[in-house]
N, C-alpha and C. Protein backbone atom coordinates (compact mmCIF):
# COMPACT_ATOMS: atom_id res chain seq x y z
N MET A 1 -3.23 -71.26 41.77
CA MET A 1 -2.56 -71.34 39.80
C MET A 1 -3.43 -70.64 39.68
N PRO A 2 -3.49 -69.15 38.56
CA PRO A 2 -4.71 -68.74 38.06
C PRO A 2 -5.50 -69.32 36.85
N SER A 3 -6.42 -69.17 36.84
CA SER A 3 -7.38 -70.05 35.90
C SER A 3 -7.39 -68.81 34.63
N LEU A 4 -7.53 -69.77 33.22
CA LEU A 4 -7.57 -69.18 32.29
C LEU A 4 -9.10 -68.73 32.25
N PHE A 5 -10.09 -69.22 32.46
CA PHE A 5 -11.68 -68.42 32.84
C PHE A 5 -11.68 -67.23 33.36
N ARG A 6 -10.83 -66.72 34.16
CA ARG A 6 -10.60 -65.51 34.90
C ARG A 6 -10.08 -64.50 34.29
N ARG A 7 -9.30 -65.00 33.35
CA ARG A 7 -8.46 -63.36 32.34
C ARG A 7 -9.35 -62.62 32.04
N LYS A 8 -9.36 -61.34 32.03
CA LYS A 8 -10.21 -60.39 31.20
C LYS A 8 -10.25 -60.67 29.74
N SER A 9 -11.04 -60.15 28.90
CA SER A 9 -11.31 -60.31 27.62
C SER A 9 -10.48 -59.42 26.94
N ALA A 10 -9.95 -58.08 27.34
CA ALA A 10 -9.30 -57.31 26.77
C ALA A 10 -7.90 -57.71 26.82
N ASP A 11 -7.11 -58.68 27.90
CA ASP A 11 -6.09 -59.22 27.67
C ASP A 11 -5.67 -60.24 26.55
N LEU A 12 -6.99 -60.96 26.38
CA LEU A 12 -6.88 -61.95 25.46
C LEU A 12 -6.71 -61.19 24.11
N VAL A 13 -7.39 -59.70 23.79
CA VAL A 13 -7.33 -59.05 22.54
C VAL A 13 -6.23 -58.68 22.45
N GLU A 14 -5.26 -58.14 23.65
CA GLU A 14 -4.17 -57.55 23.36
C GLU A 14 -2.90 -58.44 22.87
N GLU A 15 -3.45 -59.93 23.57
CA GLU A 15 -2.22 -60.90 23.16
C GLU A 15 -2.20 -61.18 21.78
N SER A 16 -3.54 -61.47 21.00
CA SER A 16 -3.72 -61.63 19.67
C SER A 16 -3.38 -60.71 18.89
N VAL A 17 -3.33 -59.45 19.26
CA VAL A 17 -2.93 -58.29 18.16
C VAL A 17 -1.81 -57.94 18.43
N THR A 18 -0.68 -58.90 17.93
CA THR A 18 0.54 -58.17 18.34
C THR A 18 1.22 -57.46 17.39
N PRO A 19 1.73 -56.18 17.63
CA PRO A 19 2.49 -55.69 16.55
C PRO A 19 3.96 -56.26 15.70
N VAL A 20 3.88 -56.33 14.12
CA VAL A 20 4.94 -56.59 13.74
C VAL A 20 5.79 -55.76 13.61
N THR A 21 6.17 -54.72 14.06
CA THR A 21 7.28 -53.73 13.80
C THR A 21 8.28 -53.94 14.64
N THR A 22 9.32 -53.76 14.29
CA THR A 22 10.72 -54.00 14.91
C THR A 22 10.74 -52.69 16.58
N ASP A 23 11.47 -53.22 17.41
CA ASP A 23 11.64 -52.40 18.32
C ASP A 23 12.18 -51.27 18.16
N GLU A 24 12.83 -51.12 17.30
CA GLU A 24 13.83 -49.85 17.02
C GLU A 24 12.35 -48.85 16.12
N GLU A 25 11.64 -49.53 15.22
CA GLU A 25 10.62 -48.34 14.49
C GLU A 25 9.68 -48.28 15.71
N SER A 26 9.32 -48.91 16.88
CA SER A 26 8.09 -48.73 17.44
C SER A 26 8.88 -47.48 18.45
N SER A 27 10.03 -47.81 18.92
CA SER A 27 10.39 -46.67 19.42
C SER A 27 10.91 -45.23 18.87
N ALA A 28 10.85 -45.29 17.33
CA ALA A 28 11.17 -43.82 16.74
C ALA A 28 9.88 -43.43 16.69
N ARG A 29 8.99 -44.12 16.37
CA ARG A 29 7.47 -43.48 15.81
C ARG A 29 6.73 -43.00 17.47
N PRO A 30 6.18 -41.82 17.20
CA PRO A 30 5.24 -41.29 18.33
C PRO A 30 4.23 -41.99 18.39
N ARG A 31 3.75 -41.90 19.78
CA ARG A 31 2.38 -42.73 19.90
C ARG A 31 1.30 -42.31 18.90
N GLY A 32 0.54 -43.19 18.32
CA GLY A 32 -0.56 -42.60 17.29
C GLY A 32 -0.24 -42.62 16.07
N TYR A 33 1.01 -42.84 15.65
CA TYR A 33 1.71 -42.64 14.80
C TYR A 33 0.83 -43.31 13.23
N THR A 34 0.73 -42.60 12.15
CA THR A 34 0.08 -43.38 11.27
C THR A 34 0.63 -43.45 9.89
N PRO A 35 1.31 -44.92 9.32
CA PRO A 35 2.03 -44.80 8.32
C PRO A 35 1.51 -44.16 7.18
N SER A 36 2.53 -43.90 6.36
CA SER A 36 2.07 -43.25 4.72
C SER A 36 2.27 -44.55 3.86
N LYS A 37 1.55 -43.54 2.91
CA LYS A 37 1.03 -44.66 1.65
C LYS A 37 2.73 -45.35 1.03
N LYS A 38 3.49 -44.33 1.43
CA LYS A 38 4.66 -44.94 0.45
C LYS A 38 5.50 -46.09 1.25
N GLU A 39 5.21 -46.07 2.97
CA GLU A 39 5.46 -46.92 3.76
C GLU A 39 4.84 -48.24 3.68
N LEU A 40 3.43 -47.79 3.48
CA LEU A 40 2.59 -49.22 3.31
C LEU A 40 2.81 -50.00 1.75
N GLY A 41 3.52 -49.31 0.99
CA GLY A 41 3.72 -49.73 -0.51
C GLY A 41 2.55 -49.71 -1.21
N GLN A 42 1.50 -48.12 -1.33
CA GLN A 42 0.46 -47.84 -1.82
C GLN A 42 1.03 -46.81 -2.52
N THR A 43 0.70 -46.40 -3.84
CA THR A 43 0.84 -45.13 -4.78
C THR A 43 -0.53 -44.79 -4.93
N THR A 44 -0.67 -43.23 -4.98
CA THR A 44 -2.05 -42.53 -5.41
C THR A 44 -2.09 -42.66 -7.26
N PRO A 45 -2.93 -43.29 -7.84
CA PRO A 45 -3.05 -43.65 -9.04
C PRO A 45 -3.06 -42.08 -9.81
N LYS A 46 -2.86 -41.93 -10.85
CA LYS A 46 -2.85 -40.72 -11.10
C LYS A 46 -3.99 -40.35 -12.33
N ARG A 47 -4.44 -39.29 -12.47
CA ARG A 47 -5.91 -39.17 -13.08
C ARG A 47 -5.42 -39.36 -14.58
N PRO A 48 -6.40 -39.79 -15.28
CA PRO A 48 -5.87 -40.14 -17.03
C PRO A 48 -6.18 -38.81 -17.65
N ALA A 49 -5.01 -38.64 -18.28
CA ALA A 49 -4.88 -37.48 -19.37
C ALA A 49 -5.86 -37.89 -20.54
N ALA A 50 -6.31 -38.69 -20.84
CA ALA A 50 -7.04 -38.77 -21.98
C ALA A 50 -8.58 -37.92 -22.17
N GLY A 51 -8.98 -37.52 -20.82
CA GLY A 51 -10.33 -36.98 -21.07
C GLY A 51 -9.93 -35.11 -21.28
N ARG A 52 -8.60 -34.84 -20.83
CA ARG A 52 -8.29 -33.68 -20.26
C ARG A 52 -7.87 -32.94 -21.93
N ARG A 53 -8.34 -31.51 -21.85
CA ARG A 53 -8.44 -30.94 -23.26
C ARG A 53 -6.90 -29.99 -23.13
N PRO A 54 -6.20 -30.12 -23.80
CA PRO A 54 -4.67 -29.69 -24.26
C PRO A 54 -4.54 -28.02 -23.97
N ALA A 55 -4.06 -27.37 -23.43
CA ALA A 55 -3.90 -25.75 -22.98
C ALA A 55 -3.36 -25.53 -24.34
N ALA A 56 -4.22 -24.44 -24.85
CA ALA A 56 -3.72 -23.29 -26.11
C ALA A 56 -2.59 -22.98 -25.51
N PRO A 57 -1.62 -22.89 -26.78
CA PRO A 57 -0.42 -22.15 -26.59
C PRO A 57 -0.79 -20.65 -26.95
N ALA A 58 0.12 -20.11 -25.73
CA ALA A 58 -0.19 -18.54 -26.10
C ALA A 58 -0.05 -17.64 -27.11
N ARG A 59 -0.78 -17.11 -28.15
CA ARG A 59 -0.70 -16.30 -29.30
C ARG A 59 0.27 -15.08 -28.87
N ALA A 60 1.36 -14.93 -30.15
CA ALA A 60 2.35 -14.03 -30.00
C ALA A 60 1.60 -12.80 -30.65
N LEU A 61 2.25 -11.77 -29.96
CA LEU A 61 1.19 -10.45 -30.24
C LEU A 61 1.65 -10.00 -32.12
N THR A 62 0.93 -9.29 -32.93
CA THR A 62 1.67 -8.48 -33.74
C THR A 62 1.89 -7.15 -33.64
N LYS A 63 3.01 -6.64 -34.35
CA LYS A 63 3.48 -5.45 -33.98
C LYS A 63 2.29 -4.46 -33.84
N GLU A 64 1.55 -4.47 -34.58
CA GLU A 64 0.11 -3.41 -34.32
C GLU A 64 -0.09 -3.91 -32.98
N GLU A 65 -0.51 -4.92 -32.38
CA GLU A 65 -1.08 -4.98 -31.42
C GLU A 65 -0.05 -4.67 -29.99
N ALA A 66 1.20 -4.75 -30.60
CA ALA A 66 2.21 -4.61 -29.54
C ALA A 66 2.41 -2.98 -29.09
N ARG A 67 2.12 -2.14 -30.23
CA ARG A 67 2.38 -0.86 -30.25
C ARG A 67 1.07 -0.36 -29.73
N GLU A 68 -0.03 -1.14 -29.92
CA GLU A 68 -1.04 -0.38 -29.30
C GLU A 68 -1.21 -0.46 -27.61
N GLN A 69 -0.76 -1.78 -26.86
CA GLN A 69 -0.37 -1.89 -25.96
C GLN A 69 0.54 -0.76 -25.36
N ARG A 70 1.64 -0.75 -25.84
CA ARG A 70 2.51 0.61 -25.64
C ARG A 70 1.94 1.78 -25.64
N ARG A 71 0.84 2.17 -26.13
CA ARG A 71 0.30 3.69 -26.42
C ARG A 71 -0.35 3.59 -25.45
N ALA A 72 -1.36 2.17 -25.16
CA ALA A 72 -2.50 2.31 -24.02
C ALA A 72 -1.47 2.74 -22.61
N ALA A 73 -0.47 1.66 -22.25
CA ALA A 73 0.39 2.05 -21.04
C ALA A 73 0.94 3.46 -20.72
N ARG A 74 1.20 4.10 -21.83
CA ARG A 74 1.96 5.62 -21.40
C ARG A 74 0.75 6.34 -21.34
N ALA A 75 -0.79 6.13 -21.86
CA ALA A 75 -1.41 6.70 -22.18
C ALA A 75 -2.16 6.98 -20.35
N GLU A 76 -2.23 5.66 -19.98
CA GLU A 76 -2.45 5.42 -18.28
C GLU A 76 -1.58 6.11 -17.79
N ALA A 77 -0.15 5.86 -17.83
CA ALA A 77 0.77 6.25 -16.98
C ALA A 77 0.88 8.09 -16.81
N ALA A 78 0.57 8.62 -17.89
CA ALA A 78 0.15 9.90 -18.32
C ALA A 78 -1.20 10.34 -17.26
N ALA A 79 -2.08 9.43 -17.25
CA ALA A 79 -3.13 9.81 -16.77
C ALA A 79 -2.50 9.85 -15.26
N GLU A 80 -2.35 8.60 -14.58
CA GLU A 80 -2.05 8.69 -13.47
C GLU A 80 -1.20 10.01 -12.78
N PHE A 81 -0.27 10.27 -13.46
CA PHE A 81 0.79 11.20 -13.11
C PHE A 81 0.17 12.50 -13.33
N ARG A 82 -0.81 12.78 -14.24
CA ARG A 82 -1.70 13.67 -13.92
C ARG A 82 -2.64 14.09 -12.76
N ARG A 83 -3.22 12.66 -12.38
CA ARG A 83 -4.19 12.49 -11.26
C ARG A 83 -3.15 12.75 -9.58
N GLU A 84 -2.20 12.12 -9.88
CA GLU A 84 -1.14 11.81 -8.40
C GLU A 84 0.22 12.80 -8.64
N GLY A 85 0.37 13.04 -9.69
CA GLY A 85 1.89 13.84 -9.50
C GLY A 85 2.90 12.86 -9.69
N GLY A 86 4.32 13.04 -9.03
CA GLY A 86 5.31 12.18 -8.82
C GLY A 86 5.96 12.26 -7.78
N PRO A 87 6.84 11.68 -7.24
CA PRO A 87 7.62 11.61 -6.19
C PRO A 87 7.78 13.34 -5.52
N ARG A 88 8.18 14.06 -6.41
CA ARG A 88 8.27 15.34 -5.72
C ARG A 88 6.86 16.13 -5.28
N ASP A 89 5.87 15.66 -5.89
CA ASP A 89 4.57 16.19 -5.36
C ASP A 89 4.16 15.34 -3.76
N ARG A 90 4.58 14.68 -3.38
CA ARG A 90 4.48 13.92 -1.95
C ARG A 90 4.33 14.98 -1.15
N GLY A 91 3.56 14.70 0.11
CA GLY A 91 3.69 15.59 1.16
C GLY A 91 2.91 16.75 1.18
N PRO A 92 2.35 16.67 2.76
CA PRO A 92 1.21 17.52 3.14
C PRO A 92 1.42 19.43 2.67
N GLU A 93 2.91 19.49 2.77
CA GLU A 93 3.25 20.95 2.47
C GLU A 93 3.20 21.31 0.94
N ARG A 94 3.32 20.33 0.41
CA ARG A 94 3.22 20.41 -1.34
C ARG A 94 1.91 20.53 -1.75
N LEU A 95 1.33 19.83 -1.07
CA LEU A 95 -0.28 19.55 -1.24
C LEU A 95 -0.82 21.43 -1.22
N LEU A 96 -0.29 21.62 0.04
CA LEU A 96 -0.76 22.96 0.22
C LEU A 96 -0.11 24.32 -0.31
N ALA A 97 0.75 24.10 -0.69
CA ALA A 97 1.50 24.72 -1.78
C ALA A 97 0.74 24.76 -3.01
N ARG A 98 0.41 23.71 -3.79
CA ARG A 98 -0.39 23.94 -4.63
C ARG A 98 -1.88 24.50 -4.48
N ASN A 99 -2.48 23.92 -3.55
CA ASN A 99 -3.54 24.71 -3.36
C ASN A 99 -3.76 26.44 -3.48
N VAL A 100 -2.59 26.76 -2.86
CA VAL A 100 -2.32 28.13 -2.73
C VAL A 100 -1.98 29.03 -3.97
N VAL A 101 -1.50 28.16 -5.07
CA VAL A 101 -1.52 28.62 -6.36
C VAL A 101 -2.43 28.41 -6.97
N ASP A 102 -3.52 27.31 -6.69
CA ASP A 102 -4.79 27.18 -7.80
C ASP A 102 -5.56 27.94 -7.35
N SER A 103 -5.69 28.40 -6.28
CA SER A 103 -6.70 28.99 -5.55
C SER A 103 -6.88 30.37 -6.23
N ARG A 104 -5.70 31.05 -6.69
CA ARG A 104 -5.88 32.31 -7.36
C ARG A 104 -5.27 32.61 -8.87
N ARG A 105 -5.77 33.63 -9.47
CA ARG A 105 -5.15 33.84 -10.61
C ARG A 105 -3.78 34.30 -10.40
N THR A 106 -2.98 33.82 -11.16
CA THR A 106 -1.42 34.26 -11.07
C THR A 106 -1.01 34.77 -12.97
N VAL A 107 0.02 35.83 -12.72
CA VAL A 107 0.56 36.37 -13.49
C VAL A 107 1.38 35.59 -14.24
N GLY A 108 1.69 34.61 -13.76
CA GLY A 108 2.90 33.75 -14.52
C GLY A 108 2.29 33.20 -15.65
N THR A 109 0.94 32.76 -15.57
CA THR A 109 0.18 31.96 -16.65
C THR A 109 -0.05 32.86 -17.79
N TRP A 110 0.47 34.06 -17.72
CA TRP A 110 0.63 34.98 -19.24
C TRP A 110 2.11 35.11 -19.76
N PHE A 111 3.07 34.71 -18.79
CA PHE A 111 4.23 34.95 -19.17
C PHE A 111 4.80 34.02 -20.23
N PHE A 112 4.49 33.04 -20.63
CA PHE A 112 4.99 32.79 -21.95
C PHE A 112 4.36 32.97 -23.20
N GLY A 113 3.09 33.23 -23.21
CA GLY A 113 2.81 34.18 -23.89
C GLY A 113 2.81 35.48 -24.41
N GLY A 114 3.12 36.22 -23.36
CA GLY A 114 3.81 37.51 -23.55
C GLY A 114 5.23 37.53 -23.70
N ALA A 115 5.96 36.28 -23.36
CA ALA A 115 7.54 36.17 -24.14
C ALA A 115 7.57 36.07 -25.47
N LEU A 116 6.51 35.02 -26.19
CA LEU A 116 5.94 34.92 -27.50
C LEU A 116 5.95 36.32 -27.99
N ILE A 117 4.94 37.08 -27.62
CA ILE A 117 4.99 38.34 -28.50
C ILE A 117 6.20 39.22 -28.28
N VAL A 118 6.68 39.34 -27.05
CA VAL A 118 8.17 40.15 -26.86
C VAL A 118 9.08 39.73 -27.97
N LEU A 119 9.26 38.36 -28.33
CA LEU A 119 10.13 37.65 -28.99
C LEU A 119 9.90 38.28 -30.58
N VAL A 120 8.34 38.31 -30.67
CA VAL A 120 8.04 39.01 -32.11
C VAL A 120 8.25 40.15 -32.37
N GLY A 121 7.70 40.89 -31.22
CA GLY A 121 8.07 42.39 -31.31
C GLY A 121 9.59 43.05 -31.40
N SER A 122 10.37 42.24 -31.16
CA SER A 122 11.44 42.74 -30.43
C SER A 122 12.59 42.59 -31.99
N ASN A 123 11.88 41.84 -32.90
CA ASN A 123 12.52 41.68 -34.13
C ASN A 123 12.56 43.25 -34.57
N GLN A 124 13.99 43.07 -35.14
CA GLN A 124 14.70 44.40 -35.82
C GLN A 124 13.96 44.96 -36.94
N ALA A 125 12.94 43.93 -37.84
CA ALA A 125 12.32 44.35 -39.25
C ALA A 125 10.84 45.20 -38.48
N MET A 126 10.31 45.23 -37.15
CA MET A 126 9.34 45.83 -36.69
C MET A 126 9.60 47.15 -36.79
N PRO A 127 8.61 48.06 -36.24
CA PRO A 127 8.79 49.48 -36.44
C PRO A 127 9.44 49.90 -34.93
N PRO A 128 10.08 50.87 -34.51
CA PRO A 128 10.57 51.24 -33.32
C PRO A 128 9.26 51.28 -32.27
N GLN A 129 8.41 51.59 -32.47
CA GLN A 129 7.22 51.74 -31.46
C GLN A 129 6.76 50.42 -31.31
N VAL A 130 6.56 49.35 -32.17
CA VAL A 130 6.18 47.87 -31.86
C VAL A 130 7.40 47.31 -31.03
N ARG A 131 8.52 47.43 -31.07
CA ARG A 131 9.59 47.15 -30.13
C ARG A 131 9.93 47.90 -28.62
N LEU A 132 9.22 48.71 -28.77
CA LEU A 132 8.93 49.63 -27.67
C LEU A 132 8.09 49.29 -26.74
N VAL A 133 7.04 49.00 -27.50
CA VAL A 133 5.79 48.09 -26.62
C VAL A 133 5.91 46.74 -26.26
N SER A 134 6.50 46.19 -27.06
CA SER A 134 7.22 44.66 -26.68
C SER A 134 8.24 44.69 -25.38
N ASN A 135 8.95 45.83 -25.46
CA ASN A 135 9.88 45.70 -24.44
C ASN A 135 9.14 46.33 -23.22
N LEU A 136 8.18 47.25 -23.02
CA LEU A 136 7.51 47.98 -21.84
C LEU A 136 6.67 46.46 -21.42
N LEU A 137 5.97 45.73 -22.38
CA LEU A 137 5.37 44.50 -22.09
C LEU A 137 6.15 43.37 -21.07
N TRP A 138 7.46 43.24 -21.80
CA TRP A 138 8.15 42.23 -21.15
C TRP A 138 8.63 42.50 -19.55
N GLY A 139 8.99 43.68 -19.52
CA GLY A 139 9.09 44.41 -18.09
C GLY A 139 7.76 44.49 -16.89
N ALA A 140 6.66 44.70 -17.76
CA ALA A 140 5.69 44.50 -16.98
C ALA A 140 5.23 42.92 -16.37
N LEU A 141 5.38 42.45 -17.49
CA LEU A 141 5.30 40.64 -17.27
C LEU A 141 6.20 40.19 -15.80
N ALA A 142 7.38 40.43 -16.35
CA ALA A 142 8.21 40.17 -15.52
C ALA A 142 8.28 40.79 -14.10
N LEU A 143 7.74 42.09 -13.96
CA LEU A 143 7.34 42.72 -12.80
C LEU A 143 6.41 41.77 -11.93
N GLY A 144 5.25 41.65 -12.64
CA GLY A 144 4.06 41.17 -12.16
C GLY A 144 4.47 39.82 -11.74
N VAL A 145 5.31 39.02 -12.32
CA VAL A 145 5.47 37.52 -12.06
C VAL A 145 6.60 38.01 -10.64
N LEU A 146 7.39 38.49 -10.26
CA LEU A 146 8.22 39.00 -9.20
C LEU A 146 7.20 39.21 -8.19
N ILE A 147 6.28 40.14 -8.09
CA ILE A 147 5.25 40.58 -7.05
C ILE A 147 4.48 39.44 -6.80
N ASP A 148 3.80 38.21 -7.99
CA ASP A 148 2.84 37.52 -7.38
C ASP A 148 3.71 36.54 -6.84
N SER A 149 4.93 36.18 -7.00
CA SER A 149 5.73 35.34 -6.60
C SER A 149 6.33 35.50 -4.98
N VAL A 150 6.35 36.69 -5.01
CA VAL A 150 6.46 37.27 -3.44
C VAL A 150 5.43 36.97 -2.61
N LEU A 151 4.12 37.16 -3.02
CA LEU A 151 2.99 36.96 -2.52
C LEU A 151 2.72 35.48 -1.75
N ILE A 152 2.92 34.82 -3.05
CA ILE A 152 2.76 33.47 -2.99
C ILE A 152 3.67 32.60 -1.96
N ALA A 153 4.75 33.28 -2.23
CA ALA A 153 5.66 32.72 -0.89
C ALA A 153 5.36 33.13 0.64
N ARG A 154 4.89 34.12 0.56
CA ARG A 154 4.36 34.82 2.05
C ARG A 154 2.93 34.27 2.59
N LYS A 155 2.53 33.67 1.64
CA LYS A 155 1.31 33.23 1.98
C LYS A 155 1.28 31.68 2.45
N ILE A 156 2.43 31.09 1.67
CA ILE A 156 2.59 29.41 1.83
C ILE A 156 3.89 29.69 3.34
N LYS A 157 4.35 30.47 3.51
CA LYS A 157 5.34 30.35 4.68
C LYS A 157 4.36 30.64 5.72
N LYS A 158 3.63 31.28 5.99
CA LYS A 158 2.39 31.72 6.86
C LYS A 158 1.41 30.37 7.06
N LEU A 159 1.02 29.58 6.14
CA LEU A 159 0.18 28.71 6.41
C LEU A 159 0.81 27.58 6.82
N VAL A 160 2.27 27.19 5.86
CA VAL A 160 3.21 26.22 6.94
C VAL A 160 3.34 26.31 7.94
N ARG A 161 3.98 27.55 8.51
CA ARG A 161 4.21 27.51 10.33
C ARG A 161 2.78 27.27 10.95
N GLU A 162 1.91 27.87 10.50
CA GLU A 162 0.31 27.55 10.87
C GLU A 162 0.14 26.17 11.07
N ARG A 163 0.17 25.42 10.33
CA ARG A 163 -0.57 24.30 10.11
C ARG A 163 0.58 22.88 10.49
N PHE A 164 1.81 23.42 9.78
CA PHE A 164 2.64 22.19 10.02
C PHE A 164 4.17 22.84 11.00
N PRO A 165 3.85 23.06 12.36
CA PRO A 165 4.84 23.52 12.89
C PRO A 165 6.07 23.03 13.06
N LYS A 166 6.02 21.76 12.73
CA LYS A 166 7.17 20.65 13.25
C LYS A 166 7.79 20.35 11.60
N SER A 167 7.20 21.02 10.45
CA SER A 167 7.63 20.44 9.16
C SER A 167 9.13 20.63 9.19
N THR A 168 9.90 19.40 8.24
CA THR A 168 11.00 19.74 8.13
C THR A 168 11.18 20.00 6.62
N GLU A 169 10.23 20.41 6.18
CA GLU A 169 10.19 20.90 4.47
C GLU A 169 11.07 22.18 4.08
N LYS A 170 11.81 22.10 3.11
CA LYS A 170 12.88 23.35 3.06
C LYS A 170 11.98 24.41 2.45
N LEU A 171 11.57 25.61 3.22
CA LEU A 171 10.61 26.44 2.52
C LEU A 171 11.19 27.13 1.26
N GLY A 172 12.45 27.24 1.11
CA GLY A 172 13.51 27.58 -0.40
C GLY A 172 12.76 26.85 -1.67
N SER A 173 12.75 25.58 -1.19
CA SER A 173 12.06 24.59 -1.89
C SER A 173 10.61 24.36 -2.28
N LEU A 174 10.13 24.93 -1.08
CA LEU A 174 8.71 24.91 -1.64
C LEU A 174 7.98 26.31 -2.10
N TYR A 175 8.90 27.38 -2.05
CA TYR A 175 8.63 28.32 -2.57
C TYR A 175 8.94 28.27 -4.22
N PHE A 176 10.16 27.44 -4.40
CA PHE A 176 10.23 27.24 -5.83
C PHE A 176 9.39 26.44 -6.69
N TYR A 177 8.91 25.43 -5.72
CA TYR A 177 7.70 24.39 -6.21
C TYR A 177 6.36 25.33 -6.95
N ALA A 178 5.85 25.93 -5.89
CA ALA A 178 5.08 26.74 -6.11
C ALA A 178 5.09 27.62 -7.07
N ILE A 179 6.04 28.54 -7.45
CA ILE A 179 6.45 29.19 -8.53
C ILE A 179 6.53 28.73 -9.58
N MET A 180 7.28 27.65 -9.73
CA MET A 180 7.20 27.29 -11.19
C MET A 180 5.84 26.57 -11.69
N ARG A 181 4.93 26.35 -10.63
CA ARG A 181 3.65 25.64 -10.85
C ARG A 181 2.96 27.00 -11.18
N SER A 182 2.75 28.04 -10.48
CA SER A 182 2.40 29.26 -10.73
C SER A 182 2.41 29.88 -12.40
N ILE A 183 3.61 29.46 -13.10
CA ILE A 183 3.86 30.08 -14.45
C ILE A 183 3.64 29.02 -15.35
N THR A 184 2.99 27.66 -14.77
CA THR A 184 2.23 27.15 -15.80
C THR A 184 0.98 27.33 -15.88
N PHE A 185 0.43 26.71 -17.22
CA PHE A 185 -1.08 27.43 -17.54
C PHE A 185 -1.72 25.99 -16.75
N ARG A 186 -2.97 26.54 -16.42
CA ARG A 186 -3.60 25.75 -15.17
C ARG A 186 -4.36 24.55 -15.64
N LYS A 187 -4.59 24.08 -17.08
CA LYS A 187 -4.93 23.12 -17.39
C LYS A 187 -3.84 21.68 -17.56
N MET A 188 -2.42 22.65 -17.73
CA MET A 188 -1.46 21.65 -17.89
C MET A 188 -0.38 21.22 -16.64
N ARG A 189 -1.36 21.59 -15.24
CA ARG A 189 -0.62 21.33 -14.12
C ARG A 189 -0.97 19.78 -13.83
N ALA A 190 0.38 19.63 -13.26
CA ALA A 190 -0.01 18.06 -12.60
C ALA A 190 0.81 17.90 -11.15
N PRO A 191 0.25 17.25 -10.41
CA PRO A 191 -1.17 16.76 -10.47
C PRO A 191 -2.33 18.07 -10.98
N ALA A 192 -3.43 17.51 -11.07
CA ALA A 192 -4.65 18.51 -11.11
C ALA A 192 -5.24 19.32 -10.28
N PRO A 193 -5.02 20.68 -10.48
CA PRO A 193 -5.70 21.44 -9.21
C PRO A 193 -7.07 20.74 -8.53
N ARG A 194 -7.00 20.68 -7.05
CA ARG A 194 -8.09 20.41 -6.48
C ARG A 194 -8.92 21.22 -5.99
N VAL A 195 -8.69 22.63 -6.42
CA VAL A 195 -9.47 23.56 -5.65
C VAL A 195 -9.97 24.63 -7.03
N ASP A 196 -10.78 25.24 -6.88
CA ASP A 196 -11.08 26.52 -7.86
C ASP A 196 -10.66 27.47 -7.53
N ILE A 197 -10.51 28.45 -8.65
CA ILE A 197 -10.20 30.01 -8.12
C ILE A 197 -11.11 30.43 -7.22
N GLY A 198 -10.48 31.08 -6.38
CA GLY A 198 -11.37 32.09 -5.27
C GLY A 198 -11.49 31.01 -4.26
N ASP A 199 -11.68 29.94 -4.27
CA ASP A 199 -12.00 28.83 -3.02
C ASP A 199 -10.49 29.45 -1.60
N LYS A 200 -11.38 29.37 -0.62
CA LYS A 200 -10.67 29.34 0.89
C LYS A 200 -9.49 28.29 0.87
N VAL A 201 -8.06 28.48 0.97
CA VAL A 201 -7.26 27.54 1.27
C VAL A 201 -7.18 27.50 3.21
């Protein structure tokens, strides 16, 4: 007959602490499960709102402020376009074409100024000598732009084949891109020139 005095103290503790949960709950819960506050009937007290400062409502912008914001946004977008350009300016081949144009003086930068002079000088009210000079100037500008465009295209073709032999960029599109830049005033070019006149590309 086993004696009560020989039972270990750990056995007595296990018998005295008997879980109250049902068999289904015990089997459903994993070992080491900690019941939530909701299961224990406890709730987390909310912080008192008496000491809080209510958030100030957003102030509506006046017409002048809204107009100023739009003007600032447009100026920022224009400055960014001036620095980085648009989607058509992306790619190393396009950068190379821009550098080829920006590193030299181009006849095209005088094209629009000359065209204005020709437009004024070709007026029928002008003397025949003025009209003749205007026509000669127009022809010289057109020939200069043509020769300059051919030289730019040849240099771009050579550099692209040397530096980007696996390029998929169409050379015709690249030539047109460079020529249109060459007839634009240097200060109005976008993206802004990264090289100075005379720099080696």
